[in-house]
Amino acid sequence: MSPTGLHRWLPRLILAAAAAHLAVGAVESAPHWRDMLSEGLWNTVANDDAPRMMALWFMFSGVALVGLGLLARRSVLATGALPVEIGWLLLLSGVPVALLEPVSGGWVLLTLGTLAVYATRRSAPDRP
C-alpha cells in the first residue's frame, strides 16, 4: 500500500525535528561535551552538574526522536499508514514540555502529534 499525504510526510517531519534537536544540542552543549571527552567520558556527568546532565539528556532525547521517526517511517512503508500511537507519544511528550518550558520545541511535538492523530483518525475505516 502506498502512503499518501500526511502519512508520507510525518515521518520526514519527525526526523527533521530530531535533526534540528540534535543540531541545537550539539551547538549549545559543545563546551560541556568537549570537557566530558577531555575527562575520558567515564563518570563525567554527576548528579549535581546540571549543565552536563542537560547536555546528556537533550542529546539522547534527540536520539529517541530519531528512533520514533525511523519506526514511523518503517511502519508507513510497510502498511501505508502511520500508527496512531506515534501521534499519542508525540502529544504525551509535547504537553509537559510546552507547559513547563513554553519557549521550546514542545510546540513542535504538539503540532506533529496533533497532525499524526488527525491523519490516523481521518484515514481510519468507519466502524459500525
Protein backbone atom coordinates (compact mmCIF):
# COMPACT_ATOMS: atom_id res chain seq x y z
CA MET A 1 0.00 0.00 0.00
CA SER A 2 1.43 3.37 -0.99
CA PRO A 3 1.49 6.05 1.71
CA THR A 4 -0.33 9.29 0.97
CA GLY A 5 -0.45 12.82 2.32
CA LEU A 6 0.38 13.24 5.98
CA HIS A 7 1.26 9.57 6.36
CA ARG A 8 4.14 10.06 3.93
CA TRP A 9 5.27 13.42 5.34
CA LEU A 10 5.01 12.92 9.08
CA PRO A 11 7.98 10.52 9.42
CA ARG A 12 10.06 13.00 7.45
CA LEU A 13 8.93 15.86 9.67
CA ILE A 14 9.69 13.85 12.81
CA LEU A 15 13.17 13.09 11.50
CA ALA A 16 13.66 16.77 10.58
CA ALA A 17 12.65 17.79 14.12
CA ALA A 18 15.07 15.19 15.50
CA ALA A 19 17.89 16.51 13.33
CA ALA A 20 17.17 20.07 14.47
CA HIS A 21 17.07 18.90 18.10
CA LEU A 22 20.45 17.19 17.75
CA ALA A 23 21.96 20.18 15.94
CA VAL A 24 20.80 22.61 18.63
CA GLY A 25 22.07 20.24 21.30
CA ALA A 26 25.45 19.90 19.62
CA VAL A 27 25.90 23.65 19.27
CA GLU A 28 24.55 24.66 22.67
CA SER A 29 26.31 21.98 24.68
CA ALA A 30 29.58 21.74 22.73
CA PRO A 31 31.70 23.10 25.61
CA HIS A 32 30.22 20.54 28.01
CA TRP A 33 30.82 17.67 25.59
CA ARG A 34 34.38 18.88 24.99
CA ASP A 35 35.02 18.86 28.74
CA MET A 36 33.46 15.40 29.16
CA LEU A 37 35.53 14.00 26.28
CA SER A 38 38.73 15.51 27.68
CA GLU A 39 37.98 13.89 31.04
CA GLY A 40 37.59 10.46 29.43
CA LEU A 41 33.76 10.17 29.47
CA TRP A 42 33.58 7.63 32.31
CA ASN A 43 31.59 9.12 35.20
CA THR A 44 31.83 12.69 33.88
CA VAL A 45 28.16 13.56 34.49
CA ALA A 46 27.49 13.91 38.21
CA ASN A 47 24.01 14.35 39.67
CA ASP A 48 24.90 17.85 40.86
CA ASP A 49 26.20 19.03 37.45
CA ALA A 50 23.02 20.41 35.85
CA PRO A 51 24.61 21.72 32.61
CA ARG A 52 26.19 18.35 31.82
CA MET A 53 23.02 16.47 32.73
CA MET A 54 21.05 18.77 30.44
CA ALA A 55 23.54 18.23 27.61
CA LEU A 56 23.34 14.46 28.05
CA TRP A 57 19.55 14.19 28.19
CA PHE A 58 18.97 16.79 25.47
CA MET A 59 21.12 14.82 23.04
CA PHE A 60 19.65 11.45 23.97
CA SER A 61 16.09 12.71 23.71
CA GLY A 62 17.04 13.76 20.18
CA VAL A 63 18.28 10.22 19.53
CA ALA A 64 14.96 8.87 20.86
CA LEU A 65 13.12 11.18 18.48
CA VAL A 66 15.22 9.80 15.61
CA GLY A 67 14.16 6.31 16.68
CA LEU A 68 10.50 7.31 16.72
CA GLY A 69 10.85 8.86 13.26
CA LEU A 70 12.55 5.76 11.87
CA LEU A 71 9.88 3.48 13.34
CA ALA A 72 7.17 5.74 11.92
CA ARG A 73 8.86 5.62 8.52
CA ARG A 74 9.16 1.83 8.61
CA SER A 75 5.52 1.45 9.60
CA VAL A 76 4.35 3.78 6.83
CA LEU A 77 6.45 1.92 4.25
CA ALA A 78 5.12 -1.45 5.45
CA THR A 79 1.45 -0.56 5.88
CA GLY A 80 0.89 2.70 4.03
CA ALA A 81 -0.28 4.36 7.23
CA LEU A 82 1.07 5.86 10.41
CA PRO A 83 0.11 4.14 13.66
CA VAL A 84 -1.97 6.37 15.94
CA GLU A 85 0.41 5.57 18.81
CA ILE A 86 3.06 7.73 17.16
CA GLY A 87 0.77 10.73 17.45
CA TRP A 88 -0.13 9.99 21.05
CA LEU A 89 3.54 9.57 22.01
CA LEU A 90 4.38 12.92 20.42
CA LEU A 91 1.48 14.57 22.25
CA LEU A 92 2.40 12.89 25.53
CA SER A 93 5.94 14.23 25.13
CA GLY A 94 4.93 17.68 23.92
CA VAL A 95 2.34 18.61 26.55
CA PRO A 96 4.65 18.66 29.59
CA VAL A 97 7.50 20.25 27.63
CA ALA A 98 5.27 23.05 26.30
CA LEU A 99 3.68 23.61 29.73
CA LEU A 100 6.91 23.61 31.71
CA GLU A 101 9.01 25.46 29.13
CA PRO A 102 6.74 27.42 26.78
CA VAL A 103 9.64 28.82 24.74
CA SER A 104 10.84 25.45 23.50
CA GLY A 105 10.39 22.76 20.90
CA GLY A 106 7.45 21.33 22.83
CA TRP A 107 5.16 23.11 20.38
CA VAL A 108 6.75 21.20 17.50
CA LEU A 109 5.98 17.93 19.27
CA LEU A 110 2.40 19.07 19.90
CA THR A 111 1.96 20.07 16.26
CA LEU A 112 3.41 16.81 14.93
CA GLY A 113 1.38 14.78 17.41
CA THR A 114 -1.84 16.57 16.51
CA LEU A 115 -1.18 16.07 12.79
CA ALA A 116 -0.39 12.39 13.34
CA VAL A 117 -3.56 11.74 15.35
CA TYR A 118 -5.59 13.70 12.79
CA ALA A 119 -4.08 11.73 9.89
CA THR A 120 -4.79 8.37 11.52
CA ARG A 121 -8.32 9.31 12.56
CA ARG A 122 -9.08 10.68 9.10
CA SER A 123 -7.90 7.51 7.38
CA ALA A 124 -9.43 5.07 9.88
CA PRO A 125 -12.19 2.89 8.41
CA ASP A 126 -15.73 3.65 9.52
CA ARG A 127 -16.88 1.35 12.26
CA PRO A 128 -20.49 0.21 12.60
